[in-house]
N, C-alpha and C. Protein backbone atom coordinates (compact mmCIF):
# COMPACT_ATOMS: atom_id res chain seq x y z
N MET A 1 158.10 51.20 90.22
CA MET A 1 158.65 52.41 90.03
C MET A 1 160.09 52.52 90.19
N THR A 2 161.03 53.01 89.50
CA THR A 2 162.45 53.16 90.17
C THR A 2 162.62 54.40 91.08
N LYS A 3 163.47 54.06 91.87
CA LYS A 3 163.91 55.31 92.56
C LYS A 3 165.14 56.26 92.05
N LYS A 4 164.45 57.56 92.48
CA LYS A 4 165.91 58.10 91.30
C LYS A 4 166.62 59.21 92.69
N THR A 5 167.66 59.48 92.59
CA THR A 5 168.14 60.67 93.01
C THR A 5 167.98 61.81 93.05
N LEU A 6 168.27 62.93 93.42
CA LEU A 6 168.06 64.29 92.89
C LEU A 6 169.14 64.49 91.71
N ASP A 7 169.86 64.18 91.75
CA ASP A 7 170.89 64.63 90.22
C ASP A 7 169.98 63.93 89.35
N GLU A 8 169.72 62.38 89.12
CA GLU A 8 168.90 61.56 88.31
C GLU A 8 167.62 62.80 87.65
N MET A 9 166.88 63.34 88.96
CA MET A 9 165.92 63.74 88.52
C MET A 9 166.07 65.04 87.62
N GLN A 10 166.98 65.86 88.26
CA GLN A 10 167.44 67.07 87.66
C GLN A 10 167.74 66.79 86.28
N LYS A 11 168.73 65.57 86.10
CA LYS A 11 169.14 65.37 84.29
C LYS A 11 167.74 64.98 83.64
N GLU A 12 166.82 64.45 84.54
CA GLU A 12 165.89 63.97 83.56
C GLU A 12 165.05 65.35 83.11
N VAL A 13 164.84 65.89 83.95
CA VAL A 13 163.98 67.39 83.88
C VAL A 13 164.97 68.43 82.60
N ASP A 14 166.10 68.36 82.90
CA ASP A 14 166.74 68.89 81.89
C ASP A 14 166.76 68.25 80.08
N ARG A 15 166.34 67.00 80.32
CA ARG A 15 166.31 66.36 79.36
C ARG A 15 165.18 66.47 78.68
N TYR A 16 164.13 66.80 79.47
CA TYR A 16 162.49 66.68 78.90
C TYR A 16 162.77 68.64 78.49
N ILE A 17 163.20 69.31 79.16
CA ILE A 17 162.90 70.62 78.89
C ILE A 17 164.10 71.14 77.41
N GLY A 18 165.02 70.23 77.43
CA GLY A 18 166.19 70.42 76.28
C GLY A 18 165.31 70.30 74.63
N GLN A 19 164.31 69.62 74.85
CA GLN A 19 163.66 69.39 73.80
C GLN A 19 162.76 70.26 73.06
N PHE A 20 162.88 71.44 73.74
CA PHE A 20 162.17 72.99 73.30
C PHE A 20 163.02 74.21 73.06
N LYS A 21 162.93 74.90 72.09
CA LYS A 21 163.78 76.08 71.67
C LYS A 21 163.96 77.07 73.23
N GLU A 22 162.56 77.10 73.40
CA GLU A 22 162.26 77.89 74.80
C GLU A 22 163.22 77.94 75.95
N GLY A 23 163.36 76.48 76.09
CA GLY A 23 164.14 76.19 77.28
C GLY A 23 163.69 76.49 78.68
N TYR A 24 164.76 77.16 79.64
CA TYR A 24 163.95 77.50 80.79
C TYR A 24 163.43 78.74 81.03
N PHE A 25 162.68 78.97 81.50
CA PHE A 25 162.14 80.29 81.99
C PHE A 25 163.14 81.17 82.67
N HIS A 26 163.11 82.32 82.90
CA HIS A 26 164.07 83.34 83.62
C HIS A 26 163.57 83.12 84.84
N PRO A 27 164.46 83.40 86.02
CA PRO A 27 164.50 83.11 87.13
C PRO A 27 162.96 83.63 87.93
N LEU A 28 163.01 84.90 87.34
CA LEU A 28 161.54 85.57 88.12
C LEU A 28 160.16 84.78 87.59
N SER A 29 160.51 84.55 86.55
CA SER A 29 159.34 83.29 85.64
C SER A 29 158.97 82.20 86.76
N MET A 30 160.23 81.78 86.56
CA MET A 30 160.34 80.68 87.51
C MET A 30 159.74 80.61 88.83
N LEU A 31 160.05 81.88 89.76
CA LEU A 31 159.75 82.07 91.10
C LEU A 31 158.11 82.37 91.14
N ALA A 32 157.68 82.48 90.01
CA ALA A 32 156.08 82.89 89.82
C ALA A 32 155.49 81.75 89.50
N ARG A 33 156.17 80.64 88.72
CA ARG A 33 155.49 79.53 88.76
C ARG A 33 155.72 78.42 89.72
N MET A 34 157.00 78.72 90.58
CA MET A 34 156.80 78.33 92.13
C MET A 34 155.77 78.59 92.95
N THR A 35 155.60 80.14 93.09
CA THR A 35 154.78 80.31 93.78
C THR A 35 153.16 80.16 93.19
N GLU A 36 152.82 80.04 92.03
CA GLU A 36 151.76 79.15 91.49
C GLU A 36 151.40 77.43 92.00
N GLU A 37 152.57 77.05 92.05
CA GLU A 37 152.41 75.73 92.29
C GLU A 37 152.22 75.59 94.07
N VAL A 38 152.64 76.50 94.79
CA VAL A 38 152.61 76.61 96.02
C VAL A 38 151.16 76.68 96.61
N GLY A 39 150.69 77.42 95.72
CA GLY A 39 149.31 78.05 96.12
C GLY A 39 148.66 76.54 95.79
N GLU A 40 148.90 75.96 94.62
CA GLU A 40 147.80 74.91 94.29
C GLU A 40 148.06 73.77 95.56
N LEU A 41 149.29 73.86 96.10
CA LEU A 41 149.46 72.89 97.03
C LEU A 41 148.65 73.12 98.30
N ALA A 42 148.41 74.48 98.07
CA ALA A 42 147.64 74.96 99.66
C ALA A 42 146.31 74.45 99.17
N ARG A 43 145.50 74.83 98.29
CA ARG A 43 144.27 74.48 97.96
C ARG A 43 144.13 72.91 98.37
N GLU A 44 144.93 72.11 97.93
CA GLU A 44 144.74 70.66 98.55
C GLU A 44 144.73 70.51 99.21
N VAL A 45 145.69 71.04 100.05
CA VAL A 45 145.69 70.58 102.14
C VAL A 45 144.63 71.15 102.51
N ASN A 46 144.03 72.52 102.28
CA ASN A 46 142.84 72.66 102.69
C ASN A 46 141.64 72.28 102.28
N HIS A 47 141.57 71.59 101.20
CA HIS A 47 140.46 70.59 100.58
C HIS A 47 140.37 69.27 101.77
N GLN A 48 141.82 69.02 101.76
CA GLN A 48 141.69 67.72 102.49
C GLN A 48 141.81 67.68 104.20
N TYR A 49 142.45 68.71 104.62
CA TYR A 49 142.44 69.02 106.28
C TYR A 49 141.63 70.09 106.46
N GLY A 50 141.47 71.04 105.98
CA GLY A 50 140.61 72.16 106.08
C GLY A 50 139.50 72.37 106.24
N GLU A 51 138.79 73.41 106.16
CA GLU A 51 137.43 73.82 106.20
C GLU A 51 136.58 74.23 105.02
N LYS A 52 137.67 73.61 103.87
CA LYS A 52 136.71 74.26 102.50
C LYS A 52 136.96 72.84 101.73
N PRO A 53 135.75 71.96 101.50
CA PRO A 53 135.78 70.81 100.75
C PRO A 53 135.65 71.23 99.50
N LYS A 54 136.09 70.38 98.28
CA LYS A 54 136.11 70.72 96.73
C LYS A 54 134.67 70.46 96.24
N LYS A 55 134.47 71.45 95.44
CA LYS A 55 133.12 71.43 94.81
C LYS A 55 133.30 70.04 93.83
N ALA A 56 132.15 69.56 93.57
CA ALA A 56 132.10 68.47 92.53
C ALA A 56 132.84 68.27 91.05
N THR A 57 132.22 70.01 90.73
CA THR A 57 133.21 70.13 89.55
C THR A 57 135.25 70.51 89.41
N GLU A 58 135.33 70.42 90.74
CA GLU A 58 136.72 70.46 90.75
C GLU A 58 137.89 69.64 90.42
N ASP A 59 138.39 69.56 89.90
CA ASP A 59 139.61 68.14 89.62
C ASP A 59 140.11 67.69 90.54
N LYS A 60 140.45 66.44 90.44
CA LYS A 60 140.44 65.36 91.17
C LYS A 60 142.27 65.43 91.91
N ASN A 61 143.19 66.64 91.84
CA ASN A 61 144.20 66.88 91.97
C ASN A 61 144.35 66.32 93.73
N THR A 62 145.75 65.78 94.03
CA THR A 62 146.12 65.37 95.23
C THR A 62 147.42 66.26 95.73
N ILE A 63 147.59 66.19 96.95
CA ILE A 63 148.70 66.48 97.42
C ILE A 63 149.92 65.95 96.76
N GLU A 64 150.16 64.62 96.34
CA GLU A 64 151.24 63.86 96.21
C GLU A 64 151.20 64.79 94.93
N GLN A 65 150.07 64.83 93.97
CA GLN A 65 150.69 65.54 92.51
C GLN A 65 151.12 66.87 92.51
N GLU A 66 150.54 67.59 93.36
CA GLU A 66 151.25 68.50 93.68
C GLU A 66 152.62 69.08 94.41
N LEU A 67 152.90 68.03 94.91
CA LEU A 67 154.32 68.11 95.73
C LEU A 67 155.11 67.67 94.13
N GLY A 68 154.66 66.54 93.36
CA GLY A 68 155.57 66.59 92.33
C GLY A 68 155.57 67.62 91.20
N ASP A 69 154.50 68.46 91.21
CA ASP A 69 154.85 69.86 90.32
C ASP A 69 155.68 70.56 90.82
N LEU A 70 155.95 70.94 92.23
CA LEU A 70 156.71 71.47 92.83
C LEU A 70 157.96 71.07 92.97
N LEU A 71 158.24 69.92 93.04
CA LEU A 71 159.43 69.13 92.76
C LEU A 71 160.02 69.03 90.93
N PHE A 72 159.19 69.29 90.37
CA PHE A 72 159.58 69.51 88.70
C PHE A 72 160.10 70.86 88.76
N ILE A 73 159.37 72.28 89.20
CA ILE A 73 159.47 73.56 88.87
C ILE A 73 160.85 73.71 89.87
N ILE A 74 160.95 72.93 90.74
CA ILE A 74 162.57 73.20 91.89
C ILE A 74 163.68 72.76 90.69
N SER A 75 163.47 71.23 89.93
CA SER A 75 164.27 71.11 89.16
C SER A 75 164.58 71.88 88.15
N CYS A 76 163.57 72.65 87.63
CA CYS A 76 163.95 73.53 86.76
C CYS A 76 164.68 74.86 87.06
N PHE A 77 163.86 74.90 88.21
CA PHE A 77 164.88 76.49 88.44
C PHE A 77 166.48 76.12 88.81
N ALA A 78 166.70 75.11 89.40
CA ALA A 78 167.89 74.81 89.79
C ALA A 78 168.91 74.40 88.62
N ASN A 79 168.13 73.81 87.68
CA ASN A 79 168.86 73.53 86.62
C ASN A 79 169.44 75.21 85.92
N SER A 80 168.48 75.69 85.91
CA SER A 80 168.60 76.97 85.19
C SER A 80 169.78 77.85 85.45
N LEU A 81 169.89 77.81 86.92
CA LEU A 81 170.73 78.40 87.85
C LEU A 81 172.27 77.73 87.81
N GLY A 82 172.25 76.26 87.44
CA GLY A 82 173.29 75.71 87.61
C GLY A 82 173.77 75.18 89.00
N ILE A 83 172.45 74.69 89.69
CA ILE A 83 172.76 74.73 91.05
C ILE A 83 172.11 72.94 91.42
N SER A 84 173.20 71.95 91.93
CA SER A 84 172.98 71.13 92.19
C SER A 84 171.71 70.77 93.75
N LEU A 85 170.71 69.75 93.28
CA LEU A 85 169.89 70.07 94.23
C LEU A 85 170.49 69.14 95.41
N GLU A 86 171.25 67.94 95.02
CA GLU A 86 171.86 67.20 96.12
C GLU A 86 172.84 67.99 96.83
N SER A 87 173.99 69.25 96.47
CA SER A 87 174.60 69.48 97.22
C SER A 87 173.70 70.92 98.16
N ALA A 88 172.92 71.67 97.67
CA ALA A 88 171.80 72.19 98.44
C ALA A 88 171.27 71.87 99.58
N PHE A 89 170.84 70.39 99.27
CA PHE A 89 170.13 69.56 100.17
C PHE A 89 171.11 69.27 101.72
N GLU A 90 172.66 68.57 100.88
CA GLU A 90 173.42 68.12 102.05
C GLU A 90 173.79 69.58 102.89
N GLN A 91 173.59 70.64 102.32
CA GLN A 91 174.18 71.61 102.98
C GLN A 91 172.85 72.56 103.67
N VAL A 92 171.73 72.17 103.69
CA VAL A 92 170.82 72.69 104.75
C VAL A 92 170.61 71.76 105.48
N MET A 93 171.16 70.52 105.14
CA MET A 93 170.84 69.57 106.55
C MET A 93 172.06 69.50 107.22
N GLU A 94 173.16 69.82 107.03
CA GLU A 94 174.39 70.37 107.62
C GLU A 94 173.81 71.56 108.71
N LYS A 95 173.62 72.30 108.28
CA LYS A 95 173.13 73.65 108.86
C LYS A 95 171.97 73.00 110.11
N TYR A 96 170.87 72.39 109.77
CA TYR A 96 169.70 72.37 110.75
C TYR A 96 170.80 71.10 111.69
N ASN A 97 171.69 70.09 111.33
CA ASN A 97 172.34 69.53 112.35
C ASN A 97 173.42 70.12 113.35
N THR A 98 173.54 71.61 112.74
CA THR A 98 174.52 72.08 113.65
C THR A 98 173.47 73.11 114.34
N ARG A 99 172.81 73.76 114.03
CA ARG A 99 172.25 75.31 114.76
C ARG A 99 171.02 74.64 115.14
N ASP A 100 170.08 73.71 114.95
CA ASP A 100 168.99 73.62 115.59
C ASP A 100 169.39 71.87 116.27
N LYS A 101 170.52 71.38 116.83
CA LYS A 101 170.35 70.31 117.17
C LYS A 101 169.97 69.97 118.54
N ASP A 102 169.88 71.04 119.18
CA ASP A 102 169.21 71.09 120.72
C ASP A 102 167.81 72.16 120.79
N ARG A 103 167.19 72.05 119.71
CA ARG A 103 166.07 72.93 119.56
C ARG A 103 164.92 72.22 119.65
N TRP A 104 164.99 71.01 119.65
CA TRP A 104 163.63 70.71 119.72
C TRP A 104 163.86 69.50 120.71
N THR A 105 162.58 68.63 121.48
CA THR A 105 162.63 67.82 122.10
C THR A 105 163.18 66.47 121.49
N ARG A 106 164.35 65.58 121.87
CA ARG A 106 164.45 64.01 121.27
C ARG A 106 163.55 63.05 121.90
N LYS A 107 163.33 62.05 120.78
CA LYS A 107 162.69 61.14 121.16
C LYS A 107 163.60 60.20 121.79
């Protein structure tokens, strides 16, 4: 599997969504979808690390699959608003590297 940049992932998602007349959902719908996906991730984490094992009838989803779903919807959300995730990531890392540089115990 070829590694992709965030920009390449966003472009791939945009090509996929561009096939459909409906296009991207509105921001509030996108937020609802993202919340739904976070809930599904929480369920998987609880199944694997919490006190709630899966029922035999439940789907065999994984944390990896749920993180992938989140990455897809985050790409959709960013694309619909014209936001570069690479730029957003650079900005947030700058914030953490300055604001929190002395917050944690270094190895």
